[in-house]
Amino acid sequence: MNGHEILEIVLKTSDELSRDYGDWEGDICDFVSASVAVSDSLSSNDVRDLHKEMHGSSFITKESEIVFYSTRGRPHIFVKPLEKKQ
């Protein structure tokens, strides 16, 4: 799977998580498990590689922000819904 496909799945998964749970936080394995609702082709290695590139950064999607960080040396991901303008 190429980088564009991986990123697309990650961003769609982020939106799904924000809709279903509001704020969501987990490690790479948790995120890959959650991504099955979007695609069953995302692997832990795919997300780990993206996390290494994006560590300390975030993406804004249509509905959420996804933040890549580490806790006690373990890669974590935080997803939060964007506030909708009325």
PDB file of N, CA and C in Angstrom:
ATOM      1  N   MET A   1       0.856  -1.168   0.000  1.00  0.00           N
ATOM      2  CA  MET A   1       0.000   0.000   0.000  1.00  0.00           C
ATOM      3  C   MET A   1       0.905   1.235   0.000  1.00  0.00           C
ATOM      4  N   ASN A   2       0.552   2.227  -0.825  1.00  0.00           N
ATOM      5  CA  ASN A   2       1.400   3.418  -0.898  1.00  0.00           C
ATOM      6  C   ASN A   2       1.015   4.421   0.191  1.00  0.00           C
ATOM      7  N   GLY A   3       1.861   5.432   0.374  1.00  0.00           N
ATOM      8  CA  GLY A   3       1.675   6.425   1.422  1.00  0.00           C
ATOM      9  C   GLY A   3       0.359   7.165   1.332  1.00  0.00           C
ATOM     10  N   HIS A   4      -0.074   7.465   0.113  1.00  0.00           N
ATOM     11  CA  HIS A   4      -1.337   8.180  -0.074  1.00  0.00           C
ATOM     12  C   HIS A   4      -2.518   7.346   0.440  1.00  0.00           C
ATOM     13  N   GLU A   5      -2.513   6.062   0.143  1.00  0.00           N
ATOM     14  CA  GLU A   5      -3.587   5.167   0.596  1.00  0.00           C
ATOM     15  C   GLU A   5      -3.592   5.049   2.118  1.00  0.00           C
ATOM     16  N   ILE A   6      -2.413   4.938   2.704  1.00  0.00           N
ATOM     17  CA  ILE A   6      -2.292   4.845   4.164  1.00  0.00           C
ATOM     18  C   ILE A   6      -2.854   6.103   4.805  1.00  0.00           C
ATOM     19  N   LEU A   7      -2.435   7.254   4.308  1.00  0.00           N
ATOM     20  CA  LEU A   7      -2.898   8.521   4.873  1.00  0.00           C
ATOM     21  C   LEU A   7      -4.413   8.662   4.739  1.00  0.00           C
ATOM     22  N   GLU A   8      -4.961   8.267   3.610  1.00  0.00           N
ATOM     23  CA  GLU A   8      -6.406   8.352   3.399  1.00  0.00           C
ATOM     24  C   GLU A   8      -7.165   7.513   4.425  1.00  0.00           C
ATOM     25  N   ILE A   9      -6.694   6.304   4.684  1.00  0.00           N
ATOM     26  CA  ILE A   9      -7.335   5.434   5.672  1.00  0.00           C
ATOM     27  C   ILE A   9      -7.219   6.029   7.072  1.00  0.00           C
ATOM     28  N   VAL A  10      -6.041   6.553   7.406  1.00  0.00           N
ATOM     29  CA  VAL A  10      -5.828   7.159   8.729  1.00  0.00           C
ATOM     30  C   VAL A  10      -6.759   8.346   8.932  1.00  0.00           C
ATOM     31  N   LEU A  11      -6.887   9.201   7.936  1.00  0.00           N
ATOM     32  CA  LEU A  11      -7.751  10.376   8.067  1.00  0.00           C
ATOM     33  C   LEU A  11      -9.223   9.989   8.164  1.00  0.00           C
ATOM     34  N   LYS A  12      -9.652   9.020   7.368  1.00  0.00           N
ATOM     35  CA  LYS A  12     -11.044   8.557   7.443  1.00  0.00           C
ATOM     36  C   LYS A  12     -11.327   7.895   8.795  1.00  0.00           C
ATOM     37  N   THR A  13     -10.369   7.114   9.284  1.00  0.00           N
ATOM     38  CA  THR A  13     -10.519   6.478  10.592  1.00  0.00           C
ATOM     39  C   THR A  13     -10.630   7.524  11.686  1.00  0.00           C
ATOM     40  N   SER A  14      -9.822   8.568  11.578  1.00  0.00           N
ATOM     41  CA  SER A  14      -9.876   9.660  12.551  1.00  0.00           C
ATOM     42  C   SER A  14     -11.267  10.292  12.596  1.00  0.00           C
ATOM     43  N   ASP A  15     -11.841  10.553  11.435  1.00  0.00           N
ATOM     44  CA  ASP A  15     -13.189  11.125  11.383  1.00  0.00           C
ATOM     45  C   ASP A  15     -14.218  10.178  11.996  1.00  0.00           C
ATOM     46  N   GLU A  16     -14.108   8.895  11.689  1.00  0.00           N
ATOM     47  CA  GLU A  16     -15.031   7.908  12.255  1.00  0.00           C
ATOM     48  C   GLU A  16     -14.928   7.881  13.781  1.00  0.00           C
ATOM     49  N   LEU A  17     -13.700   7.873  14.287  1.00  0.00           N
ATOM     50  CA  LEU A  17     -13.506   7.836  15.737  1.00  0.00           C
ATOM     51  C   LEU A  17     -14.067   9.078  16.413  1.00  0.00           C
ATOM     52  N   SER A  18     -13.861  10.238  15.801  1.00  0.00           N
ATOM     53  CA  SER A  18     -14.370  11.475  16.407  1.00  0.00           C
ATOM     54  C   SER A  18     -15.894  11.503  16.415  1.00  0.00           C
ATOM     55  N   ARG A  19     -16.518  10.957  15.389  1.00  0.00           N
ATOM     56  CA  ARG A  19     -17.988  10.888  15.333  1.00  0.00           C
ATOM     57  C   ARG A  19     -18.533   9.912  16.377  1.00  0.00           C
ATOM     58  N   ASP A  20     -17.871   8.769  16.500  1.00  0.00           N
ATOM     59  CA  ASP A  20     -18.367   7.717  17.388  1.00  0.00           C
ATOM     60  C   ASP A  20     -18.040   7.943  18.864  1.00  0.00           C
ATOM     61  N   TYR A  21     -16.875   8.549  19.144  1.00  0.00           N
ATOM     62  CA  TYR A  21     -16.408   8.630  20.526  1.00  0.00           C
ATOM     63  C   TYR A  21     -16.099  10.040  21.014  1.00  0.00           C
ATOM     64  N   GLY A  22     -16.120  11.029  20.151  1.00  0.00           N
ATOM     65  CA  GLY A  22     -15.648  12.346  20.569  1.00  0.00           C
ATOM     66  C   GLY A  22     -14.136  12.282  20.666  1.00  0.00           C
ATOM     67  N   ASP A  23     -13.580  12.602  21.820  1.00  0.00           N
ATOM     68  CA  ASP A  23     -12.138  12.463  22.019  1.00  0.00           C
ATOM     69  C   ASP A  23     -11.795  10.975  22.107  1.00  0.00           C
ATOM     70  N   TRP A  24     -10.752  10.578  21.385  1.00  0.00           N
ATOM     71  CA  TRP A  24     -10.309   9.189  21.380  1.00  0.00           C
ATOM     72  C   TRP A  24      -8.798   9.183  21.510  1.00  0.00           C
ATOM     73  N   GLU A  25      -8.278   8.230  22.273  1.00  0.00           N
ATOM     74  CA  GLU A  25      -6.833   8.107  22.448  1.00  0.00           C
ATOM     75  C   GLU A  25      -6.459   6.638  22.504  1.00  0.00           C
ATOM     76  N   GLY A  26      -5.352   6.289  21.847  1.00  0.00           N
ATOM     77  CA  GLY A  26      -4.895   4.911  21.878  1.00  0.00           C
ATOM     78  C   GLY A  26      -3.521   4.761  21.272  1.00  0.00           C
ATOM     79  N   ASP A  27      -3.016   3.547  21.321  1.00  0.00           N
ATOM     80  CA  ASP A  27      -1.712   3.287  20.715  1.00  0.00           C
ATOM     81  C   ASP A  27      -1.917   2.844  19.266  1.00  0.00           C
ATOM     82  N   ILE A  28      -0.845   2.471  18.619  1.00  0.00           N
ATOM     83  CA  ILE A  28      -0.898   2.094  17.206  1.00  0.00           C
ATOM     84  C   ILE A  28      -1.817   0.893  16.980  1.00  0.00           C
ATOM     85  N   CYS A  29      -1.720  -0.112  17.839  1.00  0.00           N
ATOM     86  CA  CYS A  29      -2.563  -1.308  17.676  1.00  0.00           C
ATOM     87  C   CYS A  29      -4.042  -0.971  17.838  1.00  0.00           C
ATOM     88  N   ASP A  30      -4.358  -0.104  18.808  1.00  0.00           N
ATOM     89  CA  ASP A  30      -5.747   0.333  18.988  1.00  0.00           C
ATOM     90  C   ASP A  30      -6.253   1.022  17.731  1.00  0.00           C
ATOM     91  N   PHE A  31      -5.407   1.882  17.154  1.00  0.00           N
ATOM     92  CA  PHE A  31      -5.819   2.622  15.964  1.00  0.00           C
ATOM     93  C   PHE A  31      -6.032   1.691  14.771  1.00  0.00           C
ATOM     94  N   VAL A  32      -5.133   0.732  14.598  1.00  0.00           N
ATOM     95  CA  VAL A  32      -5.276  -0.223  13.490  1.00  0.00           C
ATOM     96  C   VAL A  32      -6.560  -1.031  13.667  1.00  0.00           C
ATOM     97  N   SER A  33      -6.858  -1.433  14.879  1.00  0.00           N
ATOM     98  CA  SER A  33      -8.109  -2.162  15.137  1.00  0.00           C
ATOM     99  C   SER A  33      -9.315  -1.305  14.778  1.00  0.00           C
ATOM    100  N   ALA A  34      -9.261  -0.023  15.137  1.00  0.00           N
ATOM    101  CA  ALA A  34     -10.369   0.888  14.835  1.00  0.00           C
ATOM    102  C   ALA A  34     -10.500   1.131  13.335  1.00  0.00           C
ATOM    103  N   SER A  35      -9.406   1.047  12.606  1.00  0.00           N
ATOM    104  CA  SER A  35      -9.430   1.352  11.170  1.00  0.00           C
ATOM    105  C   SER A  35     -10.148   0.290  10.341  1.00  0.00           C
ATOM    106  N   VAL A  36     -10.417  -0.856  10.934  1.00  0.00           N
ATOM    107  CA  VAL A  36     -11.074  -1.939  10.193  1.00  0.00           C
ATOM    108  C   VAL A  36     -12.438  -1.491   9.678  1.00  0.00           C
ATOM    109  N   ALA A  37     -13.074  -0.556  10.361  1.00  0.00           N
ATOM    110  CA  ALA A  37     -14.365  -0.038   9.894  1.00  0.00           C
ATOM    111  C   ALA A  37     -14.227   0.704   8.562  1.00  0.00           C
ATOM    112  N   VAL A  38     -13.025   1.184   8.278  1.00  0.00           N
ATOM    113  CA  VAL A  38     -12.753   1.927   7.042  1.00  0.00           C
ATOM    114  C   VAL A  38     -12.093   1.024   6.006  1.00  0.00           C
ATOM    115  N   SER A  39     -11.093   0.252   6.440  1.00  0.00           N
ATOM    116  CA  SER A  39     -10.348  -0.624   5.537  1.00  0.00           C
ATOM    117  C   SER A  39      -9.652  -1.698   6.360  1.00  0.00           C
ATOM    118  N   ASP A  40      -9.606  -2.904   5.846  1.00  0.00           N
ATOM    119  CA  ASP A  40      -8.911  -3.972   6.560  1.00  0.00           C
ATOM    120  C   ASP A  40      -7.471  -4.160   6.076  1.00  0.00           C
ATOM    121  N   SER A  41      -6.971  -3.210   5.309  1.00  0.00           N
ATOM    122  CA  SER A  41      -5.626  -3.372   4.761  1.00  0.00           C
ATOM    123  C   SER A  41      -4.556  -2.562   5.487  1.00  0.00           C
ATOM    124  N   LEU A  42      -4.914  -1.765   6.483  1.00  0.00           N
ATOM    125  CA  LEU A  42      -3.933  -0.975   7.221  1.00  0.00           C
ATOM    126  C   LEU A  42      -3.224  -1.864   8.233  1.00  0.00           C
ATOM    127  N   SER A  43      -1.894  -1.779   8.277  1.00  0.00           N
ATOM    128  CA  SER A  43      -1.127  -2.600   9.217  1.00  0.00           C
ATOM    129  C   SER A  43      -0.493  -1.734  10.302  1.00  0.00           C
ATOM    130  N   SER A  44      -0.069  -2.384  11.363  1.00  0.00           N
ATOM    131  CA  SER A  44       0.635  -1.676  12.436  1.00  0.00           C
ATOM    132  C   SER A  44       1.901  -1.023  11.908  1.00  0.00           C
ATOM    133  N   ASN A  45       2.598  -1.691  11.012  1.00  0.00           N
ATOM    134  CA  ASN A  45       3.820  -1.114  10.440  1.00  0.00           C
ATOM    135  C   ASN A  45       3.521   0.142   9.633  1.00  0.00           C
ATOM    136  N   ASP A  46       2.399   0.146   8.908  1.00  0.00           N
ATOM    137  CA  ASP A  46       1.998   1.339   8.157  1.00  0.00           C
ATOM    138  C   ASP A  46       1.815   2.526   9.094  1.00  0.00           C
ATOM    139  N   VAL A  47       1.075   2.305  10.182  1.00  0.00           N
ATOM    140  CA  VAL A  47       0.800   3.389  11.124  1.00  0.00           C
ATOM    141  C   VAL A  47       2.060   3.779  11.883  1.00  0.00           C
ATOM    142  N   ARG A  48       2.891   2.814  12.232  1.00  0.00           N
ATOM    143  CA  ARG A  48       4.152   3.095  12.930  1.00  0.00           C
ATOM    144  C   ARG A  48       5.052   3.980  12.067  1.00  0.00           C
ATOM    145  N   ASP A  49       5.151   3.668  10.783  1.00  0.00           N
ATOM    146  CA  ASP A  49       5.979   4.476   9.878  1.00  0.00           C
ATOM    147  C   ASP A  49       5.432   5.900   9.762  1.00  0.00           C
ATOM    148  N   LEU A  50       4.114   6.036   9.637  1.00  0.00           N
ATOM    149  CA  LEU A  50       3.501   7.359   9.572  1.00  0.00           C
ATOM    150  C   LEU A  50       3.732   8.109  10.878  1.00  0.00           C
ATOM    151  N   HIS A  51       3.602   7.405  11.995  1.00  0.00           N
ATOM    152  CA  HIS A  51       3.802   8.027  13.308  1.00  0.00           C
ATOM    153  C   HIS A  51       5.232   8.560  13.430  1.00  0.00           C
ATOM    154  N   LYS A  52       6.213   7.802  12.964  1.00  0.00           N
ATOM    155  CA  LYS A  52       7.612   8.256  13.013  1.00  0.00           C
ATOM    156  C   LYS A  52       7.788   9.551  12.230  1.00  0.00           C
ATOM    157  N   GLU A  53       7.153   9.648  11.077  1.00  0.00           N
ATOM    158  CA  GLU A  53       7.247  10.857  10.252  1.00  0.00           C
ATOM    159  C   GLU A  53       6.503  12.037  10.868  1.00  0.00           C
ATOM    160  N   MET A  54       5.392  11.752  11.531  1.00  0.00           N
ATOM    161  CA  MET A  54       4.511  12.817  12.013  1.00  0.00           C
ATOM    162  C   MET A  54       4.634  13.098  13.505  1.00  0.00           C
ATOM    163  N   HIS A  55       5.515  12.408  14.214  1.00  0.00           N
ATOM    164  CA  HIS A  55       5.629  12.565  15.672  1.00  0.00           C
ATOM    165  C   HIS A  55       5.714  14.040  16.059  1.00  0.00           C
ATOM    166  N   GLY A  56       4.857  14.432  16.978  1.00  0.00           N
ATOM    167  CA  GLY A  56       4.817  15.819  17.429  1.00  0.00           C
ATOM    168  C   GLY A  56       3.996  16.728  16.527  1.00  0.00           C
ATOM    169  N   SER A  57       3.352  16.170  15.525  1.00  0.00           N
ATOM    170  CA  SER A  57       2.560  16.952  14.573  1.00  0.00           C
ATOM    171  C   SER A  57       1.116  16.470  14.584  1.00  0.00           C
ATOM    172  N   SER A  58       0.298  17.143  13.776  1.00  0.00           N
ATOM    173  CA  SER A  58      -1.098  16.742  13.674  1.00  0.00           C
ATOM    174  C   SER A  58      -1.622  17.004  12.273  1.00  0.00           C
ATOM    175  N   PHE A  59      -2.752  16.378  11.969  1.00  0.00           N
ATOM    176  CA  PHE A  59      -3.483  16.601  10.733  1.00  0.00           C
ATOM    177  C   PHE A  59      -4.864  17.116  11.102  1.00  0.00           C
ATOM    178  N   ILE A  60      -5.393  17.985  10.287  1.00  0.00           N
ATOM    179  CA  ILE A  60      -6.776  18.424  10.406  1.00  0.00           C
ATOM    180  C   ILE A  60      -7.539  17.793   9.244  1.00  0.00           C
ATOM    181  N   THR A  61      -8.633  17.118   9.550  1.00  0.00           N
ATOM    182  CA  THR A  61      -9.484  16.537   8.523  1.00  0.00           C
ATOM    183  C   THR A  61     -10.753  17.377   8.446  1.00  0.00           C
ATOM    184  N   LYS A  62     -11.742  16.889   7.742  1.00  0.00           N
ATOM    185  CA  LYS A  62     -13.017  17.596   7.666  1.00  0.00           C
ATOM    186  C   LYS A  62     -13.697  17.678   9.028  1.00  0.00           C
ATOM    187  N   GLU A  63     -13.527  16.636   9.834  1.00  0.00           N
ATOM    188  CA  GLU A  63     -14.271  16.546  11.090  1.00  0.00           C
ATOM    189  C   GLU A  63     -13.422  16.425  12.341  1.00  0.00           C
ATOM    190  N   SER A  64     -12.109  16.245  12.212  1.00  0.00           N
ATOM    191  CA  SER A  64     -11.303  15.959  13.395  1.00  0.00           C
ATOM    192  C   SER A  64      -9.865  16.441  13.249  1.00  0.00           C
ATOM    193  N   GLU A  65      -9.169  16.378  14.370  1.00  0.00           N
ATOM    194  CA  GLU A  65      -7.723  16.589  14.385  1.00  0.00           C
ATOM    195  C   GLU A  65      -7.111  15.318  14.934  1.00  0.00           C
ATOM    196  N   ILE A  66      -6.052  14.851  14.304  1.00  0.00           N
ATOM    197  CA  ILE A  66      -5.353  13.655  14.758  1.00  0.00           C
ATOM    198  C   ILE A  66      -3.926  14.072  15.123  1.00  0.00           C
ATOM    199  N   VAL A  67      -3.526  13.740  16.347  1.00  0.00           N
ATOM    200  CA  VAL A  67      -2.242  14.168  16.897  1.00  0.00           C
ATOM    201  C   VAL A  67      -1.380  12.934  17.138  1.00  0.00           C
ATOM    202  N   PHE A  68      -0.129  13.003  16.711  1.00  0.00           N
ATOM    203  CA  PHE A  68       0.831  11.910  16.868  1.00  0.00           C
ATOM    204  C   PHE A  68       1.832  12.298  17.955  1.00  0.00           C
ATOM    205  N   TYR A  69       1.916  11.523  19.039  1.00  0.00           N
ATOM    206  CA  TYR A  69       2.814  11.830  20.145  1.00  0.00           C
ATOM    207  C   TYR A  69       3.238  10.524  20.815  1.00  0.00           C
ATOM    208  N   SER A  70       4.092  10.622  21.807  1.00  0.00           N
ATOM    209  CA  SER A  70       4.538   9.439  22.548  1.00  0.00           C
ATOM    210  C   SER A  70       4.314   9.649  24.038  1.00  0.00           C
ATOM    211  N   THR A  71       4.023   8.548  24.719  1.00  0.00           N
ATOM    212  CA  THR A  71       3.905   8.528  26.162  1.00  0.00           C
ATOM    213  C   THR A  71       4.781   7.404  26.671  1.00  0.00           C
ATOM    214  N   ARG A  72       5.752   7.776  27.511  1.00  0.00           N
ATOM    215  CA  ARG A  72       6.708   6.793  28.048  1.00  0.00           C
ATOM    216  C   ARG A  72       7.374   5.998  26.942  1.00  0.00           C
ATOM    217  N   GLY A  73       7.684   6.679  25.850  1.00  0.00           N
ATOM    218  CA  GLY A  73       8.380   6.053  24.737  1.00  0.00           C
ATOM    219  C   GLY A  73       7.499   5.242  23.804  1.00  0.00           C
ATOM    220  N   ARG A  74       6.214   5.149  24.095  1.00  0.00           N
ATOM    221  CA  ARG A  74       5.295   4.397  23.233  1.00  0.00           C
ATOM    222  C   ARG A  74       4.520   5.356  22.353  1.00  0.00           C
ATOM    223  N   PRO A  75       4.430   5.053  21.051  1.00  0.00           N
ATOM    224  CA  PRO A  75       3.674   5.928  20.147  1.00  0.00           C
ATOM    225  C   PRO A  75       2.175   5.876  20.441  1.00  0.00           C
ATOM    226  N   HIS A  76       1.583   7.053  20.530  1.00  0.00           N
ATOM    227  CA  HIS A  76       0.153   7.187  20.779  1.00  0.00           C
ATOM    228  C   HIS A  76      -0.464   8.129  19.754  1.00  0.00           C
ATOM    229  N   ILE A  77      -1.770   8.008  19.633  1.00  0.00           N
ATOM    230  CA  ILE A  77      -2.536   8.851  18.721  1.00  0.00           C
ATOM    231  C   ILE A  77      -3.727   9.398  19.496  1.00  0.00           C
ATOM    232  N   PHE A  78      -3.974  10.680  19.321  1.00  0.00           N
ATOM    233  CA  PHE A  78      -5.127  11.331  19.943  1.00  0.00           C
ATOM    234  C   PHE A  78      -5.983  11.924  18.840  1.00  0.00           C
ATOM    235  N   VAL A  79      -7.274  11.645  18.891  1.00  0.00           N
ATOM    236  CA  VAL A  79      -8.216  12.169  17.914  1.00  0.00           C
ATOM    237  C   VAL A  79      -9.247  12.996  18.655  1.00  0.00           C
ATOM    238  N   LYS A  80      -9.498  14.199  18.161  1.00  0.00           N
ATOM    239  CA  LYS A  80     -10.554  15.009  18.758  1.00  0.00           C
ATOM    240  C   LYS A  80     -11.394  15.620  17.652  1.00  0.00           C
ATOM    241  N   PRO A  81     -12.686  15.728  17.913  1.00  0.00           N
ATOM    242  CA  PRO A  81     -13.562  16.341  16.901  1.00  0.00           C
ATOM    243  C   PRO A  81     -13.297  17.834  16.819  1.00  0.00           C
ATOM    244  N   LEU A  82     -13.465  18.372  15.633  1.00  0.00           N
ATOM    245  CA  LEU A  82     -13.350  19.816  15.458  1.00  0.00           C
ATOM    246  C   LEU A  82     -14.646  20.464  15.895  1.00  0.00           C
ATOM    247  N   GLU A  83     -14.533  21.644  16.447  1.00  0.00           N
ATOM    248  CA  GLU A  83     -15.736  22.392  16.803  1.00  0.00           C
ATOM    249  C   GLU A  83     -16.378  22.879  15.521  1.00  0.00           C
ATOM    250  N   LYS A  84     -17.650  22.641  15.399  1.00  0.00           N
ATOM    251  CA  LYS A  84     -18.352  23.040  14.177  1.00  0.00           C
ATOM    252  C   LYS A  84     -18.834  24.475  14.324  1.00  0.00           C
ATOM    253  N   LYS A  85     -18.577  25.262  13.302  1.00  0.00           N
ATOM    254  CA  LYS A  85     -19.044  26.652  13.291  1.00  0.00           C
ATOM    255  C   LYS A  85     -20.532  26.664  12.981  1.00  0.00           C
ATOM    256  N   GLN A  86     -21.244  27.498  13.697  1.00  0.00           N
ATOM    257  CA  GLN A  86     -22.690  27.560  13.478  1.00  0.00           C
ATOM    258  C   GLN A  86     -23.070  28.822  12.767  1.00  0.00           C
TER     259      GLN A  86
END
